[in-house]
Protein backbone atom coordinates (compact mmCIF):
# COMPACT_ATOMS: atom_id res chain seq x y z
CA MET A 1 0.00 0.20 0.06
CA GLY A 2 1.39 3.11 -1.19
CA ILE A 3 1.62 6.40 0.93
CA ILE A 4 -1.82 7.68 1.81
CA THR A 5 -2.47 11.51 0.91
CA TYR A 6 -5.73 13.00 2.28
CA THR A 7 -7.28 16.76 2.07
CA TRP A 8 -8.03 18.44 5.08
CA SER A 9 -11.84 17.77 4.26
CA GLU A 10 -11.17 13.81 3.82
CA TRP A 11 -8.83 13.63 7.09
CA LEU A 12 -11.76 15.49 8.95
CA TRP A 13 -14.28 13.08 7.01
CA GLN A 14 -12.36 10.13 8.30
CA PHE A 15 -12.42 11.67 12.00
CA PHE A 16 -15.70 12.35 11.78
CA ALA A 17 -16.44 9.01 10.59
CA CYS A 18 -14.68 6.68 13.41
CA ALA A 19 -15.66 8.77 15.99
CA PHE A 20 -18.86 8.16 14.73
CA PHE A 21 -18.70 4.28 14.82
CA GLY A 22 -16.50 4.43 17.85
CA TRP A 23 -19.94 5.92 19.53
CA VAL A 24 -22.00 3.71 18.33
CA ILE A 25 -19.58 0.61 19.41
CA GLU A 26 -19.33 2.38 23.23
CA THR A 27 -23.40 3.10 23.48
CA ALA A 28 -23.67 -0.89 22.28
CA ALA A 29 -21.29 -1.87 24.83
CA ALA A 30 -22.59 0.20 27.40
CA ALA A 31 -26.11 -0.84 26.51
CA LEU A 32 -25.46 -4.15 27.15
CA GLN A 33 -24.16 -3.60 30.26
CA GLN A 34 -26.91 -1.47 32.02
CA LYS A 35 -30.07 -2.85 30.49
CA ARG A 36 -30.51 0.80 28.82
CA PHE A 37 -29.51 3.21 26.29
CA VAL A 38 -26.94 5.28 27.14
CA ASN A 39 -24.93 8.05 25.29
CA ARG A 40 -21.33 7.20 25.98
CA GLY A 41 -19.89 10.45 24.50
CA LEU A 42 -18.34 13.36 25.89
CA VAL A 43 -20.50 15.92 23.83
CA ASN A 44 -24.13 15.35 22.92
CA SER A 45 -23.78 14.40 19.34
CA PRO A 46 -23.53 11.11 18.55
CA LEU A 47 -19.75 11.25 18.46
CA CYS A 48 -16.64 9.41 20.88
CA THR A 49 -13.53 11.69 20.15
CA ILE A 50 -11.19 9.30 21.42
CA TYR A 51 -11.75 6.85 18.58
CA GLY A 52 -11.84 9.43 15.76
CA VAL A 53 -8.36 11.41 16.98
CA SER A 54 -6.64 7.61 17.02
CA ALA A 55 -8.28 6.22 13.60
CA VAL A 56 -6.54 9.89 12.47
CA MET A 57 -3.63 9.88 13.89
CA ILE A 58 -2.89 5.71 13.00
CA LEU A 59 -3.60 6.82 9.73
CA LEU A 60 -1.13 9.40 9.79
CA PHE A 61 1.92 7.59 11.38
CA PHE A 62 1.40 4.17 10.80
CA GLN A 63 0.87 4.14 7.26
CA GLU A 64 3.85 1.91 6.55
CA LEU A 65 3.82 -0.95 9.51
CA HIS A 66 1.12 -4.34 8.36
CA GLY A 67 0.19 -7.21 10.27
CA PHE A 68 1.54 -7.59 13.82
CA TRP A 69 3.47 -4.36 13.72
CA LEU A 70 0.33 -2.54 13.41
CA PHE A 71 -1.18 -4.44 15.77
CA CYS A 72 1.23 -3.30 18.45
CA ALA A 73 2.02 0.07 17.09
CA ALA A 74 -2.16 0.74 17.22
CA GLY A 75 -2.94 -1.02 20.46
CA VAL A 76 -0.02 1.00 22.35
CA LEU A 77 -0.61 4.19 20.48
CA THR A 78 -4.48 4.33 21.69
CA THR A 79 -3.80 3.05 24.79
CA VAL A 80 -1.38 5.89 25.67
CA LEU A 81 -4.29 8.28 24.28
CA GLU A 82 -7.06 6.93 26.73
CA TRP A 83 -4.67 6.59 29.47
CA ILE A 84 -3.57 10.86 29.14
CA ALA A 85 -7.59 10.99 28.33
CA GLY A 86 -8.64 9.73 31.46
CA HIS A 87 -6.21 11.34 34.09
CA SER A 88 -6.88 14.97 31.96
CA LEU A 89 -10.41 14.43 32.96
CA GLU A 90 -9.83 13.56 36.36
CA ARG A 91 -7.57 16.71 36.76
CA MET A 92 -9.55 18.79 35.00
CA PHE A 93 -12.91 17.51 36.90
CA HIS A 94 -11.74 15.52 39.71
CA GLU A 95 -14.15 12.59 39.02
CA LYS A 96 -12.92 9.42 37.23
CA TRP A 97 -14.99 8.85 34.13
CA TRP A 98 -14.55 4.79 33.43
CA HIS A 99 -12.69 2.05 35.79
CA TYR A 100 -11.43 -1.02 33.88
CA SER A 101 -11.74 -3.74 36.32
CA GLY A 102 -9.86 -6.62 37.12
CA GLY A 103 -6.10 -7.92 36.40
CA TRP A 104 -3.66 -6.11 34.01
CA ASN A 105 -5.08 -2.44 34.53
CA LEU A 106 -3.14 1.29 35.38
CA ASP A 107 -4.73 2.99 37.38
CA GLY A 108 -8.68 1.68 36.11
CA TYR A 109 -7.64 3.66 33.16
CA ILE A 110 -6.22 1.42 30.76
CA SER A 111 -6.08 -2.25 30.42
CA LEU A 112 -4.47 -4.90 28.83
CA ARG A 113 -7.87 -6.01 27.32
CA THR A 114 -8.57 -3.32 25.94
CA SER A 115 -5.29 -2.75 24.73
CA LEU A 116 -5.80 -6.19 21.96
CA LEU A 117 -8.84 -4.46 21.10
CA TRP A 118 -7.46 -0.68 19.91
CA GLY A 119 -4.94 -2.93 18.05
CA LEU A 120 -7.54 -4.98 16.78
CA LEU A 121 -9.61 -2.20 15.50
CA GLY A 122 -6.20 -0.87 14.45
CA VAL A 123 -5.62 -3.53 11.95
CA ILE A 124 -9.37 -3.39 10.75
CA TYR A 125 -9.15 0.55 10.05
CA MET A 126 -6.47 0.54 7.92
CA ARG A 127 -6.85 -2.71 6.18
CA TRP A 128 -10.76 -1.78 5.29
CA GLY A 129 -11.72 0.97 7.63
CA GLN A 130 -10.47 4.17 5.74
CA GLY A 131 -10.68 3.04 1.57
CA LEU A 132 -14.24 1.89 2.34
CA LEU A 133 -14.64 5.73 4.12
CA ALA A 134 -12.88 7.49 1.30
CA ARG A 135 -14.54 6.04 -1.54
CA VAL A 136 -17.99 7.04 0.33
CA PHE A 137 -16.87 10.38 0.58
CA SER A 138 -15.34 10.60 -2.78
CA LEU A 139 -19.57 10.06 -4.15
CA LEU A 140 -20.28 13.36 -2.36
CA PRO A 141 -19.91 16.25 -5.14
CA ARG A 142 -17.08 18.36 -4.17
CA THR A 143 -18.64 21.64 -2.53
CA LEU A 144 -21.15 19.46 -0.64
CA GLY A 145 -18.57 17.03 0.58
CA ILE A 146 -16.75 20.43 1.95
CA VAL A 147 -19.92 21.87 3.00
CA LEU A 148 -20.45 19.18 5.14
CA ILE A 149 -17.86 18.74 6.71
CA TRP A 150 -18.16 22.21 7.95
CA ILE A 151 -21.27 22.12 9.56
CA LEU A 152 -20.61 19.01 11.28
CA SER A 153 -16.93 21.05 12.73
CA VAL A 154 -18.67 23.79 13.62
CA LEU A 155 -21.78 22.02 15.56
CA PHE A 156 -18.81 19.67 16.36
CA LEU A 157 -16.84 22.59 18.29
CA LEU A 158 -20.44 24.35 19.90
CA ASP A 159 -21.25 21.07 21.30
CA ILE A 160 -17.53 20.73 23.57
CA PHE A 161 -17.85 24.47 24.65
CA ALA A 162 -21.30 23.32 25.79
CA SER A 163 -20.40 20.05 27.28
CA LEU A 164 -17.09 21.32 28.90
CA ALA A 165 -18.84 23.95 30.73
CA VAL A 166 -21.67 21.84 32.04
CA VAL A 167 -19.24 19.10 33.19
CA SER A 168 -16.36 21.92 34.70
CA GLY A 169 -19.93 23.50 36.88
CA LYS A 170 -19.58 26.39 35.03
CA SER A 171 -22.70 26.35 34.14
CA ARG A 172 -24.31 26.48 37.65
CA LYS A 173 -24.17 29.60 37.00
CA ILE A 174 -27.75 30.53 35.19
CA GLU A 175 -29.38 30.79 37.91
CA ARG A 176 -27.39 33.82 38.86
CA TRP A 177 -27.55 35.72 35.67
CA ALA A 178 -31.09 34.94 35.29
CA ALA A 179 -31.31 37.06 39.01
CA LEU A 180 -29.15 39.61 37.57
CA ASP A 181 -30.62 39.40 34.42
CA TYR A 182 -27.02 39.02 33.26
CA TRP A 183 -26.07 38.64 29.71
CA PHE A 184 -29.37 36.20 28.97
CA THR A 185 -32.68 36.91 28.67
CA GLY A 186 -35.57 35.00 29.96
CA VAL A 187 -35.81 32.29 27.13
CA SER A 188 -32.18 32.04 26.50
CA VAL A 189 -31.91 31.27 30.47
CA ARG A 190 -34.41 28.48 30.14
CA LEU A 191 -32.91 27.76 26.99
CA GLU A 192 -29.72 27.20 28.56
CA MET A 193 -30.38 25.71 31.89
CA TRP A 194 -32.79 22.60 29.90
CA LEU A 195 -29.07 22.32 28.25
CA ASN A 196 -27.74 22.22 30.96
CA GLY A 197 -30.21 19.70 32.82
CA HIS A 198 -30.00 17.62 29.55
CA ILE A 199 -26.30 16.99 29.40
CA GLU A 200 -25.66 16.58 33.38
CA ARG A 201 -28.55 13.59 33.40
CA ARG A 202 -26.64 12.12 30.23
CA ILE A 203 -23.42 12.18 31.21
CA LEU A 204 -24.67 10.54 34.89
CA ARG A 205 -26.52 8.02 33.04
CA ALA A 206 -23.36 7.34 30.69
CA TYR A 207 -21.13 7.25 33.50
CA PRO A 208 -22.59 5.79 36.33
CA LEU A 209 -19.40 5.88 38.45
CA ILE A 210 -19.28 9.33 38.70
CA ARG A 211 -22.71 9.29 40.47
CA ARG A 212 -21.81 7.19 42.51
CA GLN A 213 -18.16 9.12 43.35
CA ARG A 214 -20.65 11.81 43.70
CA GLU A 215 -23.19 10.47 46.34
CA ALA A 216 -20.43 9.37 48.25
CA ALA A 217 -18.70 12.46 48.14
CA ASP A 218 -21.67 14.17 49.60
CA VAL A 219 -21.57 11.73 52.47
CA LEU A 220 -18.15 12.79 53.16
CA ALA A 221 -17.20 15.41 55.45
CA GLU A 222 -16.45 19.21 54.26
CA ALA A 223 -13.51 19.26 56.40
CA ILE A 224 -12.17 15.89 55.46
CA GLU A 225 -13.22 16.86 51.63
CA LYS A 226 -11.52 20.08 51.19
CA ALA A 227 -7.99 18.70 52.86
CA LYS A 228 -7.90 15.86 50.61
CA GLU A 229 -8.50 18.27 47.57
CA SER A 230 -5.51 20.43 49.00
CA ALA A 231 -2.88 17.69 49.68
CA LYS A 232 -4.15 16.85 45.61
CA GLU A 233 -3.34 20.47 44.62
CA ALA A 234 -0.49 20.51 46.45
CA ALA A 235 1.31 17.11 45.12
CA GLU A 236 0.26 18.11 41.84
CA GLU A 237 1.70 21.63 41.86
CA ARG A 238 4.90 20.54 41.46
CA CYS A 239 4.61 19.28 38.13
CA SER A 240 2.74 22.92 37.05
CA PHE A 241 3.36 24.17 33.32
CA TYR A 242 6.12 26.55 34.94
CA GLU A 243 7.79 23.36 35.62
CA LEU A 244 7.59 21.96 32.81
CA VAL A 245 8.53 24.88 30.54
CA TRP A 246 11.92 24.82 32.46
CA LEU A 247 12.35 21.06 31.88
CA PHE A 248 11.79 21.27 28.48
CA VAL A 249 14.96 23.76 27.77
CA ILE A 250 16.88 21.62 30.23
CA GLY A 251 16.09 18.69 28.93
CA SER A 252 16.65 19.97 25.39
CA PHE A 253 20.19 21.08 26.26
CA LEU A 254 20.67 18.28 28.32
CA GLY A 255 19.99 16.03 25.49
CA ASP A 256 21.72 17.92 22.81
CA ILE A 257 24.96 17.01 25.11
CA THR A 258 24.01 13.48 25.81
CA GLU A 259 24.01 12.91 22.21
CA THR A 260 26.94 14.85 21.72
CA LEU A 261 28.97 12.63 23.62
CA PHE A 262 27.57 9.33 22.40
CA CYS A 263 28.67 10.44 19.38
CA ARG A 264 32.39 11.11 20.12
CA LEU A 265 32.28 8.01 22.13
CA LYS A 266 30.45 5.35 19.15
CA ALA A 267 32.22 6.88 16.09
CA GLY A 268 35.24 9.15 17.11
CA VAL A 269 33.67 13.03 16.06
CA TRP A 270 32.31 15.72 16.95
CA MET A 271 29.00 15.88 15.43
CA SER A 272 25.94 18.66 16.14
CA ARG A 273 23.22 17.01 17.14
CA SER A 274 20.98 20.44 17.92
CA SER A 275 17.36 20.02 16.39
CA VAL A 276 17.25 23.73 15.91
CA VAL A 277 19.54 26.74 13.91
CA TRP A 278 20.03 28.40 17.66
CA GLY A 279 21.62 26.77 19.97
CA PRO A 280 22.48 23.06 21.64
CA PHE A 281 18.66 22.14 21.88
CA SER A 282 17.38 19.20 21.13
CA ILE A 283 14.04 19.27 20.84
CA VAL A 284 12.97 15.87 20.40
CA TRP A 285 14.80 15.52 24.32
CA GLY A 286 13.14 18.39 25.41
CA PHE A 287 9.54 17.36 24.67
CA GLY A 288 10.20 13.94 25.58
CA ILE A 289 11.50 14.60 28.93
CA ALA A 290 8.94 17.53 29.23
CA ALA A 291 5.89 14.69 28.57
CA LEU A 292 7.41 11.43 30.17
CA THR A 293 7.64 13.94 33.32
CA ALA A 294 4.01 15.28 33.09
CA LEU A 295 2.83 11.65 32.37
CA LEU A 296 4.81 9.38 34.93
CA TYR A 297 4.76 12.36 37.82
CA ARG A 298 2.16 10.11 39.50
CA TYR A 299 4.78 6.75 39.34
CA ARG A 300 7.50 8.74 40.02
CA ASP A 301 8.10 6.51 43.33
CA ARG A 302 6.97 3.45 42.11
CA PRO A 303 10.04 0.46 41.19
CA ASP A 304 12.58 0.87 38.93
CA SER A 305 11.13 -2.34 36.49
CA PHE A 306 7.72 -0.24 36.59
CA LEU A 307 9.43 3.33 35.10
CA PHE A 308 11.61 0.98 32.73
CA ALA A 309 9.05 -0.71 31.14
CA MET A 310 6.96 2.67 30.86
CA GLY A 311 9.82 4.52 29.27
CA THR A 312 10.57 1.73 26.96
CA VAL A 313 7.12 1.90 25.50
CA LEU A 314 6.50 5.53 25.51
CA GLY A 315 10.36 6.44 24.09
CA GLY A 316 9.80 3.94 21.50
CA VAL A 317 6.26 5.17 20.69
CA TYR A 318 7.64 8.75 20.54
CA GLU A 319 10.43 8.67 18.96
CA TYR A 320 8.59 6.60 16.20
CA LEU A 321 6.07 9.58 16.37
CA CYS A 322 9.06 12.21 15.86
CA SER A 323 10.11 10.25 12.77
CA VAL A 324 7.31 9.60 10.97
CA LEU A 325 6.65 13.92 11.30
CA SER A 326 9.67 15.01 10.92
CA GLU A 327 9.63 13.07 7.47
CA ILE A 328 6.15 14.28 6.38
CA ALA A 329 6.98 17.75 7.33
CA PHE A 330 10.26 18.15 6.07
CA GLY A 331 10.73 15.65 3.70
CA THR A 332 13.78 14.68 6.11
CA VAL A 333 14.73 11.60 8.82
CA PHE A 334 17.35 12.54 11.13
CA TRP A 335 18.31 9.27 12.03
CA ASP A 336 17.89 6.31 10.57
CA TYR A 337 18.72 2.83 12.60
CA SER A 338 18.15 0.69 9.72
CA GLU A 339 21.50 -0.57 10.36
CA ILE A 340 21.17 -2.07 14.02
CA PRO A 341 19.60 -5.06 14.32
CA PHE A 342 15.38 -5.04 15.64
CA ASN A 343 15.07 -1.76 14.38
CA LEU A 344 11.38 -1.13 12.80
CA GLY A 345 12.20 1.05 9.38
CA GLY A 346 14.85 2.08 10.67
CA ARG A 347 12.93 4.72 12.89
CA ILE A 348 13.25 2.75 16.57
CA ASN A 349 15.29 0.06 17.44
CA LEU A 350 15.19 -2.38 20.96
CA LEU A 351 18.34 -1.03 22.02
CA TYR A 352 17.79 2.29 22.12
CA CYS A 353 14.25 2.08 23.49
CA PHE A 354 15.67 0.16 26.25
CA PHE A 355 17.81 3.61 26.69
CA TRP A 356 14.44 5.25 27.03
CA GLY A 357 13.63 3.11 29.59
CA ILE A 358 16.65 3.52 31.02
CA ALA A 359 16.83 7.26 31.02
CA THR A 360 13.48 7.23 32.06
CA VAL A 361 14.69 5.30 35.53
CA VAL A 362 17.97 7.61 35.80
CA TRP A 363 15.47 11.19 35.08
CA PHE A 364 13.12 10.16 37.89
CA LYS A 365 14.95 8.41 40.70
CA LEU A 366 18.62 10.77 40.12
CA LEU A 367 18.04 13.88 38.13
CA TYR A 368 14.23 15.13 38.53
CA PRO A 369 14.32 15.90 42.51
CA PRO A 370 17.67 17.67 42.87
CA ILE A 371 16.10 19.54 38.87
CA ALA A 372 12.94 20.23 40.17
CA ARG A 373 14.38 21.98 43.83
CA TRP A 374 16.81 23.85 41.97
CA ILE A 375 13.42 24.88 39.33
CA TRP A 376 11.63 26.23 43.21
CA LYS A 377 14.21 28.10 44.79
CA ILE A 378 14.08 30.73 41.52
CA PRO A 379 11.69 33.65 43.18
CA LEU A 380 8.86 33.26 41.50
CA ARG A 381 8.30 36.55 39.70
CA PRO A 382 11.51 36.73 37.82
CA GLY A 383 11.21 32.66 37.77
CA VAL A 384 7.38 32.86 35.74
CA TRP A 385 9.26 35.80 33.49
CA ALA A 386 12.06 33.52 32.79
CA ALA A 387 9.74 30.92 31.79
CA ARG A 388 7.87 32.97 29.44
CA ALA A 389 11.28 34.18 28.36
CA LEU A 390 12.05 30.97 27.82
CA ALA A 391 8.68 29.24 25.56
CA VAL A 392 8.39 32.47 23.24
CA PHE A 393 12.27 31.90 22.08
CA MET A 394 11.87 28.21 22.12
CA CYS A 395 8.94 28.68 19.53
CA CYS A 396 10.38 31.15 17.48
CA ASN A 397 13.57 28.98 17.44
CA MET A 398 11.33 26.11 16.21
CA ALA A 399 9.50 28.26 13.60
CA VAL A 400 12.51 29.67 11.98
CA SER A 401 14.13 26.22 11.78
CA GLY A 402 11.18 24.21 10.66
CA LEU A 403 10.67 27.19 7.71
CA ALA A 404 14.58 26.81 7.16
CA LEU A 405 14.25 22.73 6.58
CA MET A 406 10.99 23.63 4.66
CA ARG A 407 12.55 26.34 2.28
CA GLN A 408 15.62 23.77 1.60
CA GLN A 409 12.57 21.13 0.34
CA GLU A 410 11.56 23.76 -2.02
CA ARG A 411 14.83 24.81 -3.02
CA LEU A 412 15.64 21.23 -4.17
CA ILE A 413 12.96 21.08 -6.11
CA GLY A 414 13.46 24.09 -8.14
CA VAL A 415 11.16 26.90 -6.54
CA GLU A 416 12.40 30.32 -6.15
CA ALA A 417 12.32 32.52 -3.26
CA SER A 418 8.99 34.80 -3.70
CA HIS A 419 9.36 36.44 -0.32
CA ILE A 420 11.50 38.54 1.49
CA TRP A 421 11.58 36.69 4.72
CA GLU A 422 11.94 33.23 2.23
CA GLU A 423 15.48 35.56 0.58
CA LEU A 424 16.80 36.04 4.27
CA LEU A 425 16.49 32.23 4.97
CA ASP A 426 18.07 31.53 1.74
CA ASP A 427 20.35 33.91 3.10
CA TRP A 428 20.99 32.79 6.47
CA TYR A 429 20.45 28.91 6.46
CA ASP A 430 21.96 27.95 3.12
CA ASP A 431 22.47 24.03 2.39
CA GLU A 432 25.73 24.09 3.97
CA THR A 433 24.88 25.45 6.90
CA LEU A 434 21.67 23.81 7.49
CA GLN A 435 24.30 20.52 6.78
CA ARG A 436 26.63 22.06 9.50
CA ILE A 437 24.07 21.74 11.49
CA TYR A 438 21.96 18.49 10.63
CA PRO A 439 25.01 16.65 9.58
CA GLY A 440 22.59 13.39 9.99
CA ALA A 441 19.78 14.85 8.25
CA ILE A 442 18.74 12.51 5.29
CA ARG A 443 17.00 13.40 2.25
CA VAL A 444 13.56 11.40 1.29
CA GLU A 445 12.31 10.96 -2.15
CA SER A 446 8.98 11.53 -2.36
């Protein structure tokens, strides 16, 4: 199967279609379990978002995989997405939306059984589903198809905002708004209150675990509840966005130094391993360390074997996605492991996946504690401003680097500079300069 290329409307069609079929699967399963119809989606529309997101990511990143490897990749990626979604919902709304019981589960949000099911669905989708959906969409007149996608997108976004407002509790201010005649007329207030009640009842029917949790929470003493919330917030504060910005910058720098020394020891040469045009920063390492810290922070006290296993799997998936993304965006891959045994498409290999696992253990057991203490010793006000400045600098750094690489790709196919910024990029970051910055980059024939 060759590389599949879709327009933006076709990608969104794949998302909406898979989200709908996912909703059908989830709703049917919940109906069989609870003996009545329930809408299992976060939103009111018949869509289960994680199915749509997973399908698009599988189609985008795993086109070259087949059989067993596609099954594994789809299962792992979707399991990670489900894990992130579960913890994100819990952190935002302080409620658990689902819980997988039985053995081989992690916090009740993911389980081996569902991971195997995710892998099977991924194979079915890539083998038959995406092609069938593409043919169905092609039967529609082009204008009608685009209009349909726009309507679905607008309705979906409005549905998300309304549902999030309800589950976060913000819509409970409606009564006060009505009393003050603030923003709403009487008709709009009644409509909003009806929508609030409808969504609230639907979510409680679809996720009975939430109802039981709320009933149990009402029984607890208010003082105990506040104490638990304060303790939880104090623990999570240590892994805040402010800290993650610092970890991203520090991780990018340490990653570049590590890879440079590794190349020196392995190949006997000093080689730039930077991902960007300004400074010694490896973006892959920076995002990897920040993401691993955010995902595994609550498990930092688990045994080394657990952290090693999680780091090996998450690091392998992350490195594979980065390799595919760089090839799609810039027509370039920045590493090739084809000559190393047990590699997958030259993008990852078993040995380096183990390195991710070892790095995860070393990070949480040795490096992260002193680095985190150092970050929080910075006076808060200058620390926040420094973090903002670093975030802006790194965003500009990544943007210029990306534009320089895309401009190089255009030069290779004979596209002349037509804007002043393109001329500046050609002058500042010509092929020789980029070759010096990215000596290990390999052009991919399109």
